[in-house]
Amino acid sequence: MTGRKNCSGDVPAAKSSVPIAFDDESSFTRLGLILLATDMTTEQDFALMARICSGDRLRLHATRVAYANPVTPENLRAMGPRLGQAAGLLAPVMPLKAVYFSCTSGSAVIGDDVVAAAVQNAMPAADGQPAPKAVTPLTAATAACSALGVSRLCMLTPYTEDSTKAVVGYFVDHGVEASHVSYLGLEDDRDMARITTDSLVQAAKEAVARSAGPAPQALFISCTALRSMQTAAQIEQKIGIPVITSNQAAAWYSFKTAGIDTSAAPFGRLMTKDIP
């Protein structure tokens, strides 16, 4: 073998003579994820949905935004100016169909318009391709309410009361009434990610049981840190009404936006619905 010595000075090295072939990357559908630095759940949820619904035709591109616990309105709001920089790191050669900012309470505090502006300024329309659709858990959840014909929710959040109020206010502002709100009082999203399935099921049952007045038409389980997407169908069987969760709704909305059928996903009644 002919060649030259590499930088170590001892091992022969030579350029390969094998012809290189490349895949057609334009055949893949792509979604972007903006995750909190502390997020332990969203990537797994979206990857699972992709395996079930898209075969091998979906590519997920993830970046992270700096965030520090505890979960307070002030710390959530501080992410707003950082979103543009985070979105700018989602720049594969091929365009993205949608970009999901994975923070429910953060979306409520920062605002959908700020999230959308950060995404679209970082990835504007170009070369005949539109800017990606900006998705938040709450834009997806309110779309899920419309798809399910829901105007009255019971809610369960893992947050303190202060952070919970912002999420409740978002739904009220978008025409969805709350019959009861239960919150778990946690301040660290890494703890929220470790809540057991049984604890989520029991807390969901309690929240619905405490609802006053007319019965709720669905239960919303807030927070992208919670491992609630995979338990949505189980909870539906226990409480008898549809369950909407942050990542479940966002995955449904993002996949539907990208033209991917979600009906095979076993994550609750929402999966068979279309975006209204």
Protein backbone atom coordinates (compact mmCIF):
# COMPACT_ATOMS: atom_id res chain seq x y z
CA MET A 1 0.00 0.00 0.00
CA THR A 2 1.28 3.41 -0.91
CA GLY A 3 0.52 6.43 1.15
CA ARG A 4 1.95 8.98 3.48
CA LYS A 5 2.47 9.23 7.20
CA ASN A 6 -0.29 10.99 9.08
CA CYS A 7 0.15 13.63 11.75
CA SER A 8 1.17 11.01 14.32
CA GLY A 9 4.20 10.25 12.16
CA ASP A 10 3.84 6.46 12.36
CA VAL A 11 0.64 5.15 10.71
CA PRO A 12 0.39 5.06 6.89
CA ALA A 13 -2.61 7.00 5.56
CA ALA A 14 -4.16 7.27 2.11
CA LYS A 15 -7.35 8.67 0.64
CA SER A 16 -9.91 5.96 -0.10
CA SER A 17 -10.52 5.07 -3.75
CA VAL A 18 -14.11 3.90 -3.10
CA PRO A 19 -16.73 5.97 -4.99
CA ILE A 20 -19.07 7.72 -2.54
CA ALA A 21 -22.86 7.74 -3.05
CA PHE A 22 -25.21 10.10 -1.24
CA ASP A 23 -28.83 9.71 -0.13
CA ASP A 24 -31.44 12.07 -1.53
CA GLU A 25 -32.07 14.14 1.59
CA SER A 26 -34.86 16.06 -0.12
CA SER A 27 -37.08 12.98 0.24
CA PHE A 28 -37.28 13.37 4.02
CA THR A 29 -39.78 15.46 5.97
CA ARG A 30 -38.13 17.54 8.72
CA LEU A 31 -39.27 19.03 12.01
CA GLY A 32 -37.31 21.23 14.40
CA LEU A 33 -37.41 21.11 18.19
CA ILE A 34 -36.35 23.93 20.52
CA LEU A 35 -35.88 22.28 23.91
CA LEU A 36 -35.12 23.69 27.33
CA ALA A 37 -31.60 22.93 28.47
CA THR A 38 -33.15 20.78 31.21
CA ASP A 39 -35.69 18.93 29.02
CA MET A 40 -35.56 15.15 29.57
CA THR A 41 -38.73 14.09 27.73
CA THR A 42 -39.59 15.80 24.45
CA GLU A 43 -36.99 14.18 22.20
CA GLN A 44 -38.11 10.72 23.30
CA ASP A 45 -41.79 11.57 22.76
CA PHE A 46 -41.25 12.90 19.24
CA ALA A 47 -38.88 10.08 18.29
CA LEU A 48 -41.46 7.53 19.42
CA MET A 49 -44.20 9.23 17.44
CA ALA A 50 -41.91 9.33 14.40
CA ARG A 51 -41.18 5.61 14.57
CA ILE A 52 -44.88 4.79 14.76
CA CYS A 53 -46.24 7.25 12.21
CA SER A 54 -43.58 7.99 9.61
CA GLY A 55 -41.49 4.87 9.17
CA ASP A 56 -38.08 6.24 8.24
CA ARG A 57 -39.22 9.32 6.35
CA LEU A 58 -39.10 11.93 9.14
CA ARG A 59 -36.01 13.66 10.43
CA LEU A 60 -35.99 15.53 13.75
CA HIS A 61 -33.53 18.38 14.35
CA ALA A 62 -33.13 19.54 17.95
CA THR A 63 -31.48 22.48 19.64
CA ARG A 64 -31.57 23.78 23.21
CA VAL A 65 -32.25 27.12 24.84
CA ALA A 66 -30.58 28.18 28.08
CA TYR A 67 -32.90 27.84 31.06
CA ALA A 68 -32.46 27.76 34.84
CA ASN A 69 -34.85 26.34 37.42
CA PRO A 70 -37.00 26.99 39.40
CA VAL A 71 -40.06 27.19 37.15
CA THR A 72 -41.26 30.74 37.77
CA PRO A 73 -42.84 33.31 35.44
CA GLU A 74 -39.63 35.35 35.67
CA ASN A 75 -37.31 32.48 34.69
CA LEU A 76 -39.65 31.40 31.92
CA ARG A 77 -39.89 34.93 30.53
CA ALA A 78 -36.09 35.17 30.46
CA MET A 79 -35.99 32.60 27.66
CA GLY A 80 -37.76 34.94 25.24
CA PRO A 81 -34.70 36.90 24.04
CA ARG A 82 -32.74 33.63 23.65
CA LEU A 83 -35.18 31.91 21.32
CA GLY A 84 -33.90 33.53 18.15
CA GLN A 85 -30.36 32.33 18.75
CA ALA A 86 -31.61 28.82 19.54
CA ALA A 87 -33.80 28.75 16.42
CA GLY A 88 -30.85 29.91 14.34
CA LEU A 89 -29.01 26.70 15.18
CA LEU A 90 -31.79 24.71 13.45
CA ALA A 91 -30.45 25.19 9.95
CA PRO A 92 -30.14 21.93 8.03
CA VAL A 93 -29.65 22.14 4.30
CA MET A 94 -33.26 21.15 3.69
CA PRO A 95 -36.23 23.22 4.97
CA LEU A 96 -38.23 22.39 8.09
CA LYS A 97 -42.01 22.01 7.99
CA ALA A 98 -42.48 23.18 11.59
CA VAL A 99 -40.46 24.21 14.64
CA TYR A 100 -41.76 23.31 18.09
CA PHE A 101 -40.84 25.36 21.17
CA SER A 102 -41.25 22.76 23.88
CA CYS A 103 -42.34 24.65 26.98
CA THR A 104 -46.00 25.05 27.94
CA SER A 105 -45.74 27.54 30.77
CA GLY A 106 -42.95 29.34 28.92
CA SER A 107 -45.19 29.73 25.88
CA ALA A 108 -47.95 31.15 28.06
CA VAL A 109 -45.62 33.72 29.62
CA ILE A 110 -43.58 34.64 26.52
CA GLY A 111 -46.42 34.63 23.99
CA ASP A 112 -47.03 32.81 20.72
CA ASP A 113 -46.20 35.91 18.69
CA VAL A 114 -42.72 36.18 20.22
CA VAL A 115 -42.02 32.50 19.57
CA ALA A 116 -43.25 32.76 15.97
CA ALA A 117 -41.14 35.87 15.32
CA ALA A 118 -38.01 34.17 16.69
CA VAL A 119 -38.52 31.14 14.45
CA GLN A 120 -39.40 33.05 11.30
CA ASN A 121 -36.62 35.63 11.72
CA ALA A 122 -34.09 32.83 12.11
CA MET A 123 -35.50 30.81 9.19
CA PRO A 124 -37.32 33.15 6.81
CA ALA A 125 -38.95 32.03 3.59
CA ALA A 126 -36.32 31.53 0.89
CA ASP A 127 -35.85 29.91 -2.51
CA GLY A 128 -39.55 29.30 -2.88
CA GLN A 129 -39.80 27.55 0.50
CA PRO A 130 -42.07 29.04 3.21
CA ALA A 131 -40.81 29.73 6.70
CA PRO A 132 -41.50 26.82 9.06
CA LYS A 133 -44.69 26.85 11.09
CA ALA A 134 -44.00 27.86 14.70
CA VAL A 135 -45.68 25.48 17.13
CA THR A 136 -46.09 25.78 20.90
CA PRO A 137 -47.78 23.34 23.27
CA LEU A 138 -50.63 25.81 23.74
CA THR A 139 -51.28 26.56 20.06
CA ALA A 140 -51.41 22.79 19.60
CA ALA A 141 -53.60 22.21 22.67
CA THR A 142 -56.17 24.81 21.67
CA ALA A 143 -56.25 23.33 18.17
CA ALA A 144 -56.77 19.94 19.82
CA CYS A 145 -59.73 21.37 21.75
CA SER A 146 -61.27 22.53 18.48
CA ALA A 147 -60.64 19.18 16.84
CA LEU A 148 -62.31 17.35 19.73
CA GLY A 149 -65.17 19.83 20.07
CA VAL A 150 -64.05 20.85 23.56
CA SER A 151 -64.86 24.21 25.16
CA ARG A 152 -64.67 23.18 28.84
CA LEU A 153 -61.52 21.62 30.31
CA CYS A 154 -60.31 20.20 33.55
CA MET A 155 -56.57 20.88 33.96
CA LEU A 156 -53.65 19.21 35.72
CA THR A 157 -50.25 20.90 35.94
CA PRO A 158 -47.06 20.00 37.82
CA TYR A 159 -46.25 23.67 38.56
CA THR A 160 -46.80 26.01 41.44
CA GLU A 161 -49.94 28.12 41.47
CA ASP A 162 -48.21 31.16 39.91
CA SER A 163 -46.99 29.30 36.83
CA THR A 164 -50.30 27.46 36.53
CA LYS A 165 -52.24 30.74 36.33
CA ALA A 166 -50.48 31.72 33.10
CA VAL A 167 -51.52 28.47 31.40
CA VAL A 168 -55.12 28.75 32.60
CA GLY A 169 -55.24 32.36 31.38
CA TYR A 170 -54.11 31.31 27.90
CA PHE A 171 -57.01 28.88 27.53
CA VAL A 172 -59.53 31.40 28.86
CA ASP A 173 -58.23 34.01 26.40
CA HIS A 174 -58.76 31.49 23.60
CA GLY A 175 -62.34 30.66 24.55
CA VAL A 176 -61.80 27.48 26.58
CA GLU A 177 -63.29 27.42 30.06
CA ALA A 178 -61.67 25.68 33.03
CA SER A 179 -63.96 23.63 35.28
CA HIS A 180 -61.19 22.79 37.76
CA VAL A 181 -57.41 23.16 37.94
CA SER A 182 -55.16 20.88 39.99
CA TYR A 183 -51.47 21.69 40.43
CA LEU A 184 -48.71 19.56 42.00
CA GLY A 185 -46.56 22.42 43.33
CA LEU A 186 -43.20 21.36 41.84
CA GLU A 187 -40.54 23.93 40.93
CA ASP A 188 -37.93 21.87 39.03
CA ASP A 189 -38.75 20.45 35.61
CA ARG A 190 -36.27 17.63 36.14
CA ASP A 191 -38.44 16.43 39.01
CA MET A 192 -41.52 16.78 36.82
CA ALA A 193 -39.89 14.41 34.32
CA ARG A 194 -39.54 11.72 36.99
CA ILE A 195 -43.20 11.57 38.07
CA THR A 196 -44.40 7.97 37.80
CA THR A 197 -47.20 6.80 35.54
CA ASP A 198 -49.28 5.74 38.53
CA SER A 199 -48.93 9.19 40.12
CA LEU A 200 -50.06 10.86 36.90
CA VAL A 201 -53.06 8.55 36.58
CA GLN A 202 -54.14 9.12 40.18
CA ALA A 203 -53.66 12.90 39.95
CA ALA A 204 -55.68 12.97 36.72
CA LYS A 205 -58.54 11.02 38.28
CA GLU A 206 -58.56 13.34 41.30
CA ALA A 207 -58.56 16.47 39.12
CA VAL A 208 -61.60 15.30 37.15
CA ALA A 209 -63.41 14.18 40.31
CA ARG A 210 -62.97 17.66 41.79
CA SER A 211 -64.50 19.46 38.80
CA ALA A 212 -67.46 21.63 39.72
CA GLY A 213 -70.51 22.53 37.66
CA PRO A 214 -71.04 21.02 34.22
CA ALA A 215 -68.76 18.05 33.58
CA PRO A 216 -65.50 18.80 31.74
CA GLN A 217 -65.33 17.67 28.14
CA ALA A 218 -61.62 16.81 28.31
CA LEU A 219 -58.59 16.85 30.60
CA PHE A 220 -55.51 18.88 29.72
CA ILE A 221 -52.26 17.70 31.33
CA SER A 222 -49.79 20.55 31.06
CA CYS A 223 -45.99 20.45 30.80
CA THR A 224 -43.63 19.03 28.21
CA ALA A 225 -41.44 17.55 30.95
CA LEU A 226 -44.18 15.15 32.07
CA ARG A 227 -44.14 11.66 30.55
CA SER A 228 -47.86 11.96 29.94
CA MET A 229 -48.13 11.43 26.18
CA GLN A 230 -47.68 7.69 26.53
CA THR A 231 -50.22 7.48 29.35
CA ALA A 232 -52.93 9.56 27.65
CA ALA A 233 -54.92 6.58 26.37
CA GLN A 234 -54.67 4.81 29.74
CA ILE A 235 -55.96 7.91 31.55
CA GLU A 236 -58.79 8.26 29.02
CA GLN A 237 -59.95 4.76 29.92
CA LYS A 238 -59.96 5.70 33.61
CA ILE A 239 -61.79 9.03 33.37
CA GLY A 240 -64.01 8.52 30.32
CA ILE A 241 -63.17 11.77 28.50
CA PRO A 242 -60.45 12.76 26.02
CA VAL A 243 -56.99 13.59 27.36
CA ILE A 244 -54.82 16.29 25.80
CA THR A 245 -51.19 16.58 26.89
CA SER A 246 -48.54 19.11 25.93
CA ASN A 247 -46.24 16.89 23.86
CA GLN A 248 -49.05 14.69 22.57
CA ALA A 249 -50.91 17.70 21.17
CA ALA A 250 -47.72 19.28 19.82
CA ALA A 251 -46.58 16.08 18.11
CA TRP A 252 -50.06 15.62 16.60
CA TYR A 253 -50.14 19.22 15.38
CA SER A 254 -46.56 19.20 14.06
CA PHE A 255 -46.92 15.87 12.28
CA LYS A 256 -50.25 16.88 10.75
CA THR A 257 -48.71 20.17 9.61
CA ALA A 258 -46.00 18.12 7.90
CA GLY A 259 -48.60 15.94 6.19
CA ILE A 260 -47.99 12.84 8.33
CA ASP A 261 -50.90 10.67 9.45
CA THR A 262 -51.05 10.14 13.23
CA SER A 263 -53.98 7.74 13.43
CA ALA A 264 -51.73 4.73 14.18
CA ALA A 265 -50.30 6.36 17.33
CA PRO A 266 -51.81 4.86 20.53
CA PHE A 267 -51.82 8.12 22.45
CA GLY A 268 -55.50 8.94 22.84
CA ARG A 269 -58.52 10.00 20.82
CA LEU A 270 -56.80 13.11 19.47
CA MET A 271 -54.55 11.03 17.21
CA THR A 272 -57.42 10.24 14.81
CA LYS A 273 -58.49 13.88 14.40
CA ASP A 274 -57.52 16.42 11.76
CA ILE A 275 -56.45 19.98 12.48
CA PRO A 276 -59.59 22.09 12.11
